[in-house]
């Protein structure tokens, strides 16, 4: 870890503690380190194996992996705006609704990331607000918000069959799909269910299924139908989220991605990010030229 300088502890994940580090070796000098102890080492190795084979703008990027027994250190790109959980909490405490355009953008970007995973036969199995990282940029004083999927410690890769079977209850109960609770075969649509719960929470500032006991919560997820979203005036958005929360015949990530509104918001953020990249490149070229001129003048 000699190439990194510890700055602060910023959180705790399912299987490890998360720190903010400073690094000289990457374009962005800030990076995130997930420190995993021996007890959860197998989850860290799984996450490294999965992330090392993935490259997508909606998936958090693996930068480095260091094993120093008994710890595994996973070095990841830094997102400067926390996660979706803190994002939702900020709006709730401010007593302001999250703008629909921002909810649509989150919906589109997370769907894009999930579809990429599903095309590669990967089921995340723990989609929830704390596993969606948020990054903020500005382009000509206009805010650009990116949403990226992280924490692949519970992910699994499908082999030849379309369905996966696991007797254990994997994931976080509030976001757990009915088929996982039933301990029956399931596929990538369990991630779509979890996405629907996240989007519901962005609108209502509460989860669709709430209970004081785990047993009752799981029963609600199995039995209680969700037929509307309180205080949602965007009927198209409500309709798509409800399709994610169907207990049977749930919409697939690729079908969500083909929706015109999803495509619009995905194109919009991608165009802004492309323009931001061009502006950043132009700024670097200008700085290099100014440095060249200064060096030339100093020689004279």
C-alpha atoms as a PDB file:
ATOM      1  CA  UNK A   1       0.000   0.000   0.000  1.00  0.00           C
ATOM      2  CA  UNK A   2       3.063   2.256  -0.230  1.00  0.00           C
ATOM      3  CA  UNK A   3       1.674   3.976  -3.361  1.00  0.00           C
ATOM      4  CA  UNK A   4      -1.357   5.241  -1.471  1.00  0.00           C
ATOM      5  CA  UNK A   5      -1.875   7.713   1.355  1.00  0.00           C
ATOM      6  CA  UNK A   6      -4.739   7.133   3.796  1.00  0.00           C
ATOM      7  CA  UNK A   7      -7.144  10.080   4.104  1.00  0.00           C
ATOM      8  CA  UNK A   8     -10.260   8.905   5.943  1.00  0.00           C
ATOM      9  CA  UNK A   9     -12.728   6.107   6.539  1.00  0.00           C
ATOM     10  CA  UNK A  10     -15.830   6.767   4.449  1.00  0.00           C
ATOM     11  CA  UNK A  11     -18.068   3.777   5.051  1.00  0.00           C
ATOM     12  CA  UNK A  12     -18.642   0.113   5.536  1.00  0.00           C
ATOM     13  CA  UNK A  13     -19.792  -2.341   2.873  1.00  0.00           C
ATOM     14  CA  UNK A  14     -21.364  -5.780   3.151  1.00  0.00           C
ATOM     15  CA  UNK A  15     -18.002  -7.484   3.623  1.00  0.00           C
ATOM     16  CA  UNK A  16     -15.456  -4.751   4.262  1.00  0.00           C
ATOM     17  CA  UNK A  17     -14.491  -1.264   5.400  1.00  0.00           C
ATOM     18  CA  UNK A  18     -14.143   1.503   2.817  1.00  0.00           C
ATOM     19  CA  UNK A  19     -11.439   4.188   2.911  1.00  0.00           C
ATOM     20  CA  UNK A  20     -10.593   7.244   0.847  1.00  0.00           C
ATOM     21  CA  UNK A  21      -6.972   7.261  -0.342  1.00  0.00           C
ATOM     22  CA  UNK A  22      -4.772   9.613  -2.302  1.00  0.00           C
ATOM     23  CA  UNK A  23      -2.725   8.223  -5.159  1.00  0.00           C
ATOM     24  CA  UNK A  24      -0.144   9.599  -7.552  1.00  0.00           C
ATOM     25  CA  UNK A  25      -0.656   6.807 -10.029  1.00  0.00           C
ATOM     26  CA  UNK A  26      -4.081   7.606 -11.472  1.00  0.00           C
ATOM     27  CA  UNK A  27      -5.705  10.407 -13.433  1.00  0.00           C
ATOM     28  CA  UNK A  28      -7.998  11.118 -10.503  1.00  0.00           C
ATOM     29  CA  UNK A  29      -5.721  11.403  -7.474  1.00  0.00           C
ATOM     30  CA  UNK A  30      -8.447  10.126  -5.149  1.00  0.00           C
ATOM     31  CA  UNK A  31      -9.246   6.423  -5.064  1.00  0.00           C
ATOM     32  CA  UNK A  32     -11.328   4.190  -2.811  1.00  0.00           C
ATOM     33  CA  UNK A  33      -9.936   1.208  -0.918  1.00  0.00           C
ATOM     34  CA  UNK A  34     -12.183  -1.604   0.252  1.00  0.00           C
ATOM     35  CA  UNK A  35     -10.401  -3.504   3.015  1.00  0.00           C
ATOM     36  CA  UNK A  36     -11.640  -7.073   3.514  1.00  0.00           C
ATOM     37  CA  UNK A  37     -10.527  -9.343   6.351  1.00  0.00           C
ATOM     38  CA  UNK A  38      -9.857 -13.089   6.309  1.00  0.00           C
ATOM     39  CA  UNK A  39     -13.444 -13.968   7.285  1.00  0.00           C
ATOM     40  CA  UNK A  40     -14.812 -12.502   4.042  1.00  0.00           C
ATOM     41  CA  UNK A  41     -11.787 -13.120   1.822  1.00  0.00           C
ATOM     42  CA  UNK A  42     -13.702 -15.388  -0.593  1.00  0.00           C
ATOM     43  CA  UNK A  43     -16.155 -12.557  -1.324  1.00  0.00           C
ATOM     44  CA  UNK A  44     -13.292 -10.165  -2.046  1.00  0.00           C
ATOM     45  CA  UNK A  45     -11.653 -12.624  -4.447  1.00  0.00           C
ATOM     46  CA  UNK A  46     -14.995 -13.138  -6.185  1.00  0.00           C
ATOM     47  CA  UNK A  47     -15.471  -9.375  -6.549  1.00  0.00           C
ATOM     48  CA  UNK A  48     -11.961  -8.934  -7.955  1.00  0.00           C
ATOM     49  CA  UNK A  49     -12.468 -11.771 -10.449  1.00  0.00           C
ATOM     50  CA  UNK A  50     -15.748 -10.296 -11.677  1.00  0.00           C
ATOM     51  CA  UNK A  51     -14.659  -6.642 -11.827  1.00  0.00           C
ATOM     52  CA  UNK A  52     -11.369  -7.481 -13.559  1.00  0.00           C
ATOM     53  CA  UNK A  53     -13.367  -8.800 -16.521  1.00  0.00           C
ATOM     54  CA  UNK A  54     -15.809  -5.878 -16.720  1.00  0.00           C
ATOM     55  CA  UNK A  55     -15.415  -2.510 -18.389  1.00  0.00           C
ATOM     56  CA  UNK A  56     -18.472  -0.277 -18.594  1.00  0.00           C
ATOM     57  CA  UNK A  57     -19.172   3.344 -17.690  1.00  0.00           C
ATOM     58  CA  UNK A  58     -22.045   2.352 -15.372  1.00  0.00           C
ATOM     59  CA  UNK A  59     -19.891  -0.132 -13.444  1.00  0.00           C
ATOM     60  CA  UNK A  60     -17.362   1.084 -10.879  1.00  0.00           C
ATOM     61  CA  UNK A  61     -13.831   0.543 -12.196  1.00  0.00           C
ATOM     62  CA  UNK A  62     -11.318  -1.781 -10.537  1.00  0.00           C
ATOM     63  CA  UNK A  63      -7.908  -0.061 -10.427  1.00  0.00           C
ATOM     64  CA  UNK A  64      -5.817  -2.432  -8.346  1.00  0.00           C
ATOM     65  CA  UNK A  65      -5.996  -5.414  -6.004  1.00  0.00           C
ATOM     66  CA  UNK A  66      -3.483  -6.055  -3.222  1.00  0.00           C
ATOM     67  CA  UNK A  67      -3.331  -9.133  -1.009  1.00  0.00           C
ATOM     68  CA  UNK A  68      -1.497  -8.714   2.305  1.00  0.00           C
ATOM     69  CA  UNK A  69      -2.547 -11.551   4.565  1.00  0.00           C
ATOM     70  CA  UNK A  70      -4.933 -11.614   6.265  1.00  0.00           C
ATOM     71  CA  UNK A  71      -6.366  -8.672   4.291  1.00  0.00           C
ATOM     72  CA  UNK A  72      -7.415  -8.089   0.709  1.00  0.00           C
ATOM     73  CA  UNK A  73      -7.394  -4.466  -0.493  1.00  0.00           C
ATOM     74  CA  UNK A  74      -9.582  -3.644  -3.488  1.00  0.00           C
ATOM     75  CA  UNK A  75      -8.700  -0.278  -5.079  1.00  0.00           C
ATOM     76  CA  UNK A  76     -11.600   1.305  -6.962  1.00  0.00           C
ATOM     77  CA  UNK A  77     -12.313   4.557  -8.780  1.00  0.00           C
ATOM     78  CA  UNK A  78     -13.660   7.332  -6.568  1.00  0.00           C
ATOM     79  CA  UNK A  79     -17.183   8.751  -6.890  1.00  0.00           C
ATOM     80  CA  UNK A  80     -17.334  12.199  -5.333  1.00  0.00           C
ATOM     81  CA  UNK A  81     -21.036  12.373  -4.419  1.00  0.00           C
ATOM     82  CA  UNK A  82     -21.446   9.368  -2.132  1.00  0.00           C
ATOM     83  CA  UNK A  83     -24.074   6.750  -2.896  1.00  0.00           C
ATOM     84  CA  UNK A  84     -27.757   6.724  -3.784  1.00  0.00           C
ATOM     85  CA  UNK A  85     -28.708   6.091  -0.153  1.00  0.00           C
ATOM     86  CA  UNK A  86     -27.073   9.330   1.060  1.00  0.00           C
ATOM     87  CA  UNK A  87     -28.417  11.082  -2.053  1.00  0.00           C
ATOM     88  CA  UNK A  88     -32.018  10.092  -1.163  1.00  0.00           C
ATOM     89  CA  UNK A  89     -31.454  10.992   2.496  1.00  0.00           C
ATOM     90  CA  UNK A  90     -30.210  14.469   1.525  1.00  0.00           C
ATOM     91  CA  UNK A  91     -33.374  15.243  -0.447  1.00  0.00           C
ATOM     92  CA  UNK A  92     -35.600  13.779   2.260  1.00  0.00           C
ATOM     93  CA  UNK A  93     -33.967  15.877   4.997  1.00  0.00           C
ATOM     94  CA  UNK A  94     -34.216  18.944   2.747  1.00  0.00           C
ATOM     95  CA  UNK A  95     -37.949  18.208   2.366  1.00  0.00           C
ATOM     96  CA  UNK A  96     -37.576  18.437  -1.406  1.00  0.00           C
ATOM     97  CA  UNK A  97     -38.733  15.880  -3.940  1.00  0.00           C
ATOM     98  CA  UNK A  98     -36.058  14.492  -6.237  1.00  0.00           C
ATOM     99  CA  UNK A  99     -36.734  15.989  -9.706  1.00  0.00           C
ATOM    100  CA  UNK A 100     -38.291  13.492 -12.103  1.00  0.00           C
ATOM    101  CA  UNK A 101     -35.575  14.139 -14.700  1.00  0.00           C
ATOM    102  CA  UNK A 102     -32.981  13.044 -12.145  1.00  0.00           C
ATOM    103  CA  UNK A 103     -34.983   9.916 -11.260  1.00  0.00           C
ATOM    104  CA  UNK A 104     -35.312   9.072 -14.957  1.00  0.00           C
ATOM    105  CA  UNK A 105     -31.575   9.570 -15.426  1.00  0.00           C
ATOM    106  CA  UNK A 106     -30.784   7.272 -12.484  1.00  0.00           C
ATOM    107  CA  UNK A 107     -33.287   4.712 -13.790  1.00  0.00           C
ATOM    108  CA  UNK A 108     -31.726   4.816 -17.271  1.00  0.00           C
ATOM    109  CA  UNK A 109     -28.097   4.631 -16.126  1.00  0.00           C
ATOM    110  CA  UNK A 110     -28.610   1.807 -13.617  1.00  0.00           C
ATOM    111  CA  UNK A 111     -30.672  -0.122 -16.178  1.00  0.00           C
ATOM    112  CA  UNK A 112     -27.833   0.312 -18.673  1.00  0.00           C
ATOM    113  CA  UNK A 113     -25.348  -1.103 -16.157  1.00  0.00           C
ATOM    114  CA  UNK A 114     -27.619  -4.023 -15.263  1.00  0.00           C
ATOM    115  CA  UNK A 115     -28.244  -4.862 -18.899  1.00  0.00           C
ATOM    116  CA  UNK A 116     -24.482  -5.005 -19.470  1.00  0.00           C
ATOM    117  CA  UNK A 117     -24.107  -7.389 -16.516  1.00  0.00           C
ATOM    118  CA  UNK A 118     -27.012  -9.551 -17.644  1.00  0.00           C
ATOM    119  CA  UNK A 119     -25.659  -9.770 -21.212  1.00  0.00           C
ATOM    120  CA  UNK A 120     -22.480 -11.109 -19.627  1.00  0.00           C
ATOM    121  CA  UNK A 121     -24.505 -13.660 -17.607  1.00  0.00           C
ATOM    122  CA  UNK A 122     -23.824 -11.913 -14.291  1.00  0.00           C
ATOM    123  CA  UNK A 123     -26.496 -11.440 -11.621  1.00  0.00           C
ATOM    124  CA  UNK A 124     -25.572  -8.765  -9.079  1.00  0.00           C
ATOM    125  CA  UNK A 125     -27.959 -10.011  -6.346  1.00  0.00           C
ATOM    126  CA  UNK A 126     -27.517  -7.018  -4.028  1.00  0.00           C
ATOM    127  CA  UNK A 127     -28.774  -3.966  -5.908  1.00  0.00           C
ATOM    128  CA  UNK A 128     -29.715  -1.330  -3.319  1.00  0.00           C
ATOM    129  CA  UNK A 129     -29.129   2.428  -2.906  1.00  0.00           C
ATOM    130  CA  UNK A 130     -25.877   1.986  -0.944  1.00  0.00           C
ATOM    131  CA  UNK A 131     -24.488  -0.077  -3.850  1.00  0.00           C
ATOM    132  CA  UNK A 132     -25.172   2.650  -6.413  1.00  0.00           C
ATOM    133  CA  UNK A 133     -22.391   5.244  -6.363  1.00  0.00           C
ATOM    134  CA  UNK A 134     -23.011   8.832  -7.442  1.00  0.00           C
ATOM    135  CA  UNK A 135     -20.532  11.109  -9.198  1.00  0.00           C
ATOM    136  CA  UNK A 136     -21.013  14.818  -9.860  1.00  0.00           C
ATOM    137  CA  UNK A 137     -19.457  16.890 -12.645  1.00  0.00           C
ATOM    138  CA  UNK A 138     -20.178  20.312 -14.104  1.00  0.00           C
ATOM    139  CA  UNK A 139     -20.270  21.384 -17.737  1.00  0.00           C
ATOM    140  CA  UNK A 140     -20.682  25.146 -18.248  1.00  0.00           C
ATOM    141  CA  UNK A 141     -22.268  25.375 -14.782  1.00  0.00           C
ATOM    142  CA  UNK A 142     -24.704  22.572 -15.639  1.00  0.00           C
ATOM    143  CA  UNK A 143     -24.677  19.627 -13.235  1.00  0.00           C
ATOM    144  CA  UNK A 144     -24.039  16.126 -14.603  1.00  0.00           C
ATOM    145  CA  UNK A 145     -24.864  13.253 -12.254  1.00  0.00           C
ATOM    146  CA  UNK A 146     -23.544   9.745 -12.959  1.00  0.00           C
ATOM    147  CA  UNK A 147     -24.793   6.569 -11.284  1.00  0.00           C
ATOM    148  CA  UNK A 148     -22.537   3.493 -11.105  1.00  0.00           C
ATOM    149  CA  UNK A 149     -23.082  -0.015  -9.753  1.00  0.00           C
ATOM    150  CA  UNK A 150     -20.624  -1.267  -7.122  1.00  0.00           C
ATOM    151  CA  UNK A 151     -20.067  -4.122  -4.613  1.00  0.00           C
ATOM    152  CA  UNK A 152     -19.989  -7.400  -6.519  1.00  0.00           C
ATOM    153  CA  UNK A 153     -19.237  -9.562  -3.478  1.00  0.00           C
ATOM    154  CA  UNK A 154     -22.595 -11.370  -3.725  1.00  0.00           C
ATOM    155  CA  UNK A 155     -22.698 -11.542  -7.523  1.00  0.00           C
ATOM    156  CA  UNK A 156     -22.848 -14.805  -9.401  1.00  0.00           C
ATOM    157  CA  UNK A 157     -22.186 -15.815 -12.987  1.00  0.00           C
ATOM    158  CA  UNK A 158     -24.633 -18.031 -14.832  1.00  0.00           C
ATOM    159  CA  UNK A 159     -23.010 -20.892 -16.695  1.00  0.00           C
ATOM    160  CA  UNK A 160     -25.181 -22.623 -19.287  1.00  0.00           C
ATOM    161  CA  UNK A 161     -28.653 -22.532 -17.747  1.00  0.00           C
ATOM    162  CA  UNK A 162     -30.817 -19.453 -17.827  1.00  0.00           C
ATOM    163  CA  UNK A 163     -31.776 -19.952 -14.176  1.00  0.00           C
ATOM    164  CA  UNK A 164     -29.729 -20.084 -10.989  1.00  0.00           C
ATOM    165  CA  UNK A 165     -30.553 -21.943  -7.786  1.00  0.00           C
ATOM    166  CA  UNK A 166     -29.258 -21.061  -4.332  1.00  0.00           C
ATOM    167  CA  UNK A 167     -30.931 -22.218  -1.129  1.00  0.00           C
ATOM    168  CA  UNK A 168     -29.498 -19.331   0.889  1.00  0.00           C
ATOM    169  CA  UNK A 169     -31.252 -15.966   1.214  1.00  0.00           C
ATOM    170  CA  UNK A 170     -28.787 -13.764  -0.667  1.00  0.00           C
ATOM    171  CA  UNK A 171     -29.030  -9.985  -0.636  1.00  0.00           C
ATOM    172  CA  UNK A 172     -30.597  -7.311   1.554  1.00  0.00           C
ATOM    173  CA  UNK A 173     -34.155  -8.217   2.683  1.00  0.00           C
ATOM    174  CA  UNK A 174     -35.849  -4.905   1.750  1.00  0.00           C
ATOM    175  CA  UNK A 175     -34.624  -5.280  -1.847  1.00  0.00           C
ATOM    176  CA  UNK A 176     -34.926  -9.068  -2.139  1.00  0.00           C
ATOM    177  CA  UNK A 177     -37.022 -10.477  -4.994  1.00  0.00           C
ATOM    178  CA  UNK A 178     -39.852 -12.936  -4.172  1.00  0.00           C
ATOM    179  CA  UNK A 179     -38.179 -15.852  -5.968  1.00  0.00           C
ATOM    180  CA  UNK A 180     -35.073 -15.553  -3.766  1.00  0.00           C
ATOM    181  CA  UNK A 181     -37.285 -15.607  -0.660  1.00  0.00           C
ATOM    182  CA  UNK A 182     -39.101 -18.680  -1.995  1.00  0.00           C
ATOM    183  CA  UNK A 183     -35.731 -20.379  -2.548  1.00  0.00           C
ATOM    184  CA  UNK A 184     -36.673 -21.356  -6.086  1.00  0.00           C
ATOM    185  CA  UNK A 185     -34.733 -21.045  -9.340  1.00  0.00           C
ATOM    186  CA  UNK A 186     -34.251 -17.456 -10.452  1.00  0.00           C
ATOM    187  CA  UNK A 187     -32.515 -15.414 -13.133  1.00  0.00           C
ATOM    188  CA  UNK A 188     -31.268 -11.874 -13.730  1.00  0.00           C
ATOM    189  CA  UNK A 189     -34.755 -10.416 -13.233  1.00  0.00           C
ATOM    190  CA  UNK A 190     -34.094 -10.450  -9.455  1.00  0.00           C
ATOM    191  CA  UNK A 191     -31.875  -7.403 -10.109  1.00  0.00           C
ATOM    192  CA  UNK A 192     -34.731  -5.681 -11.941  1.00  0.00           C
ATOM    193  CA  UNK A 193     -36.959  -6.166  -8.884  1.00  0.00           C
ATOM    194  CA  UNK A 194     -34.293  -4.556  -6.669  1.00  0.00           C
ATOM    195  CA  UNK A 195     -33.973  -1.691  -9.158  1.00  0.00           C
ATOM    196  CA  UNK A 196     -37.731  -1.140  -8.930  1.00  0.00           C
ATOM    197  CA  UNK A 197     -37.499  -0.911  -5.128  1.00  0.00           C
ATOM    198  CA  UNK A 198     -34.685   1.672  -5.455  1.00  0.00           C
ATOM    199  CA  UNK A 199     -36.719   3.795  -7.889  1.00  0.00           C
ATOM    200  CA  UNK A 200     -39.799   3.579  -5.642  1.00  0.00           C
ATOM    201  CA  UNK A 201     -37.624   4.834  -2.791  1.00  0.00           C
ATOM    202  CA  UNK A 202     -36.329   7.758  -4.866  1.00  0.00           C
ATOM    203  CA  UNK A 203     -39.912   8.924  -5.378  1.00  0.00           C
ATOM    204  CA  UNK A 204     -41.469   8.178  -1.963  1.00  0.00           C
ATOM    205  CA  UNK A 205     -38.455   8.384   0.387  1.00  0.00           C
ATOM    206  CA  UNK A 206     -39.621   5.060   1.802  1.00  0.00           C
ATOM    207  CA  UNK A 207     -39.481   1.429   0.759  1.00  0.00           C
ATOM    208  CA  UNK A 208     -42.539  -0.341  -0.699  1.00  0.00           C
ATOM    209  CA  UNK A 209     -42.373  -3.078   1.946  1.00  0.00           C
ATOM    210  CA  UNK A 210     -41.838  -2.084   5.588  1.00  0.00           C
ATOM    211  CA  UNK A 211     -42.151  -4.190   8.725  1.00  0.00           C
ATOM    212  CA  UNK A 212     -40.738  -4.434  12.229  1.00  0.00           C
ATOM    213  CA  UNK A 213     -39.837  -8.105  11.820  1.00  0.00           C
ATOM    214  CA  UNK A 214     -37.884  -9.915   9.126  1.00  0.00           C
ATOM    215  CA  UNK A 215     -40.497 -12.680   8.912  1.00  0.00           C
ATOM    216  CA  UNK A 216     -43.341 -10.238   8.293  1.00  0.00           C
ATOM    217  CA  UNK A 217     -41.233  -8.260   5.805  1.00  0.00           C
ATOM    218  CA  UNK A 218     -40.557 -11.354   3.703  1.00  0.00           C
ATOM    219  CA  UNK A 219     -44.258 -12.258   3.832  1.00  0.00           C
ATOM    220  CA  UNK A 220     -45.183  -8.773   2.604  1.00  0.00           C
ATOM    221  CA  UNK A 221     -42.766  -9.068  -0.318  1.00  0.00           C
ATOM    222  CA  UNK A 222     -44.333 -12.404  -1.251  1.00  0.00           C
ATOM    223  CA  UNK A 223     -47.989 -11.451  -0.791  1.00  0.00           C
ATOM    224  CA  UNK A 224     -48.528  -7.686  -1.004  1.00  0.00           C
ATOM    225  CA  UNK A 225     -49.125  -6.393  -4.555  1.00  0.00           C
ATOM    226  CA  UNK A 226     -47.786  -2.950  -5.491  1.00  0.00           C
ATOM    227  CA  UNK A 227     -50.393  -1.322  -7.752  1.00  0.00           C
ATOM    228  CA  UNK A 228     -49.466   2.361  -7.493  1.00  0.00           C
ATOM    229  CA  UNK A 229     -46.705   4.657  -6.241  1.00  0.00           C
ATOM    230  CA  UNK A 230     -47.844   7.373  -3.787  1.00  0.00           C
ATOM    231  CA  UNK A 231     -47.280  10.971  -4.902  1.00  0.00           C
ATOM    232  CA  UNK A 232     -45.987   9.952  -8.347  1.00  0.00           C
ATOM    233  CA  UNK A 233     -47.465  12.279 -10.962  1.00  0.00           C
ATOM    234  CA  UNK A 234     -45.327  10.861 -13.795  1.00  0.00           C
ATOM    235  CA  UNK A 235     -47.551   8.013 -14.995  1.00  0.00           C
ATOM    236  CA  UNK A 236     -44.999   6.661 -17.470  1.00  0.00           C
ATOM    237  CA  UNK A 237     -42.360   6.437 -14.742  1.00  0.00           C
ATOM    238  CA  UNK A 238     -44.833   4.785 -12.374  1.00  0.00           C
ATOM    239  CA  UNK A 239     -45.822   2.246 -15.030  1.00  0.00           C
ATOM    240  CA  UNK A 240     -42.217   1.179 -15.695  1.00  0.00           C
ATOM    241  CA  UNK A 241     -41.365   0.904 -11.995  1.00  0.00           C
ATOM    242  CA  UNK A 242     -44.474  -1.209 -11.392  1.00  0.00           C
ATOM    243  CA  UNK A 243     -43.335  -3.512 -14.207  1.00  0.00           C
ATOM    244  CA  UNK A 244     -40.088  -3.981 -12.269  1.00  0.00           C
ATOM    245  CA  UNK A 245     -42.098  -4.893  -9.158  1.00  0.00           C
ATOM    246  CA  UNK A 246     -44.195  -7.624 -10.761  1.00  0.00           C
ATOM    247  CA  UNK A 247     -43.939 -10.858  -8.797  1.00  0.00           C
ATOM    248  CA  UNK A 248     -44.412 -12.832 -12.033  1.00  0.00           C
ATOM    249  CA  UNK A 249     -43.635 -12.044 -15.675  1.00  0.00           C
ATOM    250  CA  UNK A 250     -41.306  -9.220 -14.673  1.00  0.00           C
ATOM    251  CA  UNK A 251     -39.832  -6.958 -17.320  1.00  0.00           C
ATOM    252  CA  UNK A 252     -36.224  -7.705 -18.371  1.00  0.00           C
ATOM    253  CA  UNK A 253     -33.392  -5.183 -18.294  1.00  0.00           C
ATOM    254  CA  UNK A 254     -33.082  -5.242 -22.106  1.00  0.00           C
ATOM    255  CA  UNK A 255     -36.797  -4.432 -22.451  1.00  0.00           C
ATOM    256  CA  UNK A 256     -36.429  -1.509 -20.051  1.00  0.00           C
ATOM    257  CA  UNK A 257     -33.485  -0.289 -22.099  1.00  0.00           C
ATOM    258  CA  UNK A 258     -35.603  -0.259 -25.269  1.00  0.00           C
ATOM    259  CA  UNK A 259     -38.140   2.134 -23.716  1.00  0.00           C
ATOM    260  CA  UNK A 260     -38.064   5.503 -25.515  1.00  0.00           C
ATOM    261  CA  UNK A 261     -37.920   7.584 -22.323  1.00  0.00           C
ATOM    262  CA  UNK A 262     -35.084   5.469 -20.914  1.00  0.00           C
ATOM    263  CA  UNK A 263     -33.209   5.785 -24.229  1.00  0.00           C
ATOM    264  CA  UNK A 264     -33.724   9.556 -24.231  1.00  0.00           C
ATOM    265  CA  UNK A 265     -32.248  10.103 -20.754  1.00  0.00           C
ATOM    266  CA  UNK A 266     -29.393   7.702 -21.445  1.00  0.00           C
ATOM    267  CA  UNK A 267     -28.514   9.534 -24.656  1.00  0.00           C
ATOM    268  CA  UNK A 268     -28.773  12.880 -22.868  1.00  0.00           C
ATOM    269  CA  UNK A 269     -26.288  12.012 -20.114  1.00  0.00           C
ATOM    270  CA  UNK A 270     -23.928  10.299 -22.566  1.00  0.00           C
ATOM    271  CA  UNK A 271     -23.835  13.388 -24.805  1.00  0.00           C
ATOM    272  CA  UNK A 272     -23.058  15.585 -21.796  1.00  0.00           C
ATOM    273  CA  UNK A 273     -20.297  13.229 -20.643  1.00  0.00           C
ATOM    274  CA  UNK A 274     -18.835  13.174 -24.155  1.00  0.00           C
ATOM    275  CA  UNK A 275     -18.828  16.974 -24.258  1.00  0.00           C
ATOM    276  CA  UNK A 276     -17.252  17.070 -20.787  1.00  0.00           C
ATOM    277  CA  UNK A 277     -14.486  14.748 -21.983  1.00  0.00           C
ATOM    278  CA  UNK A 278     -13.821  16.978 -25.005  1.00  0.00           C
ATOM    279  CA  UNK A 279     -13.698  20.102 -22.799  1.00  0.00           C
ATOM    280  CA  UNK A 280     -11.310  18.359 -20.409  1.00  0.00           C
ATOM    281  CA  UNK A 281      -9.060  17.340 -23.310  1.00  0.00           C
ATOM    282  CA  UNK A 282      -9.093  20.866 -24.748  1.00  0.00           C
ATOM    283  CA  UNK A 283      -8.147  22.247 -21.331  1.00  0.00           C
ATOM    284  CA  UNK A 284      -5.197  19.841 -21.085  1.00  0.00           C
ATOM    285  CA  UNK A 285      -4.012  20.753 -24.588  1.00  0.00           C
ATOM    286  CA  UNK A 286      -4.216  24.443 -23.692  1.00  0.00           C
ATOM    287  CA  UNK A 287      -2.220  23.871 -20.480  1.00  0.00           C
ATOM    288  CA  UNK A 288       0.430  21.908 -22.403  1.00  0.00           C
ATOM    289  CA  UNK A 289       0.712  24.692 -24.974  1.00  0.00           C
ATOM    290  CA  UNK A 290       1.033  27.352 -22.263  1.00  0.00           C
ATOM    291  CA  UNK A 291       3.728  25.277 -20.556  1.00  0.00           C
ATOM    292  CA  UNK A 292       5.577  24.881 -23.871  1.00  0.00           C
ATOM    293  CA  UNK A 293       5.499  28.640 -24.444  1.00  0.00           C
ATOM    294  CA  UNK A 294       6.785  29.324 -20.917  1.00  0.00           C
ATOM    295  CA  UNK A 295       9.604  26.802 -21.364  1.00  0.00           C
ATOM    296  CA  UNK A 296      10.547  28.351 -24.717  1.00  0.00           C
ATOM    297  CA  UNK A 297      10.624  31.845 -23.216  1.00  0.00           C
ATOM    298  CA  UNK A 298      12.728  30.711 -20.241  1.00  0.00           C
ATOM    299  CA  UNK A 299      15.338  29.256 -22.624  1.00  0.00           C
ATOM    300  CA  UNK A 300      15.582  32.605 -24.423  1.00  0.00           C
END
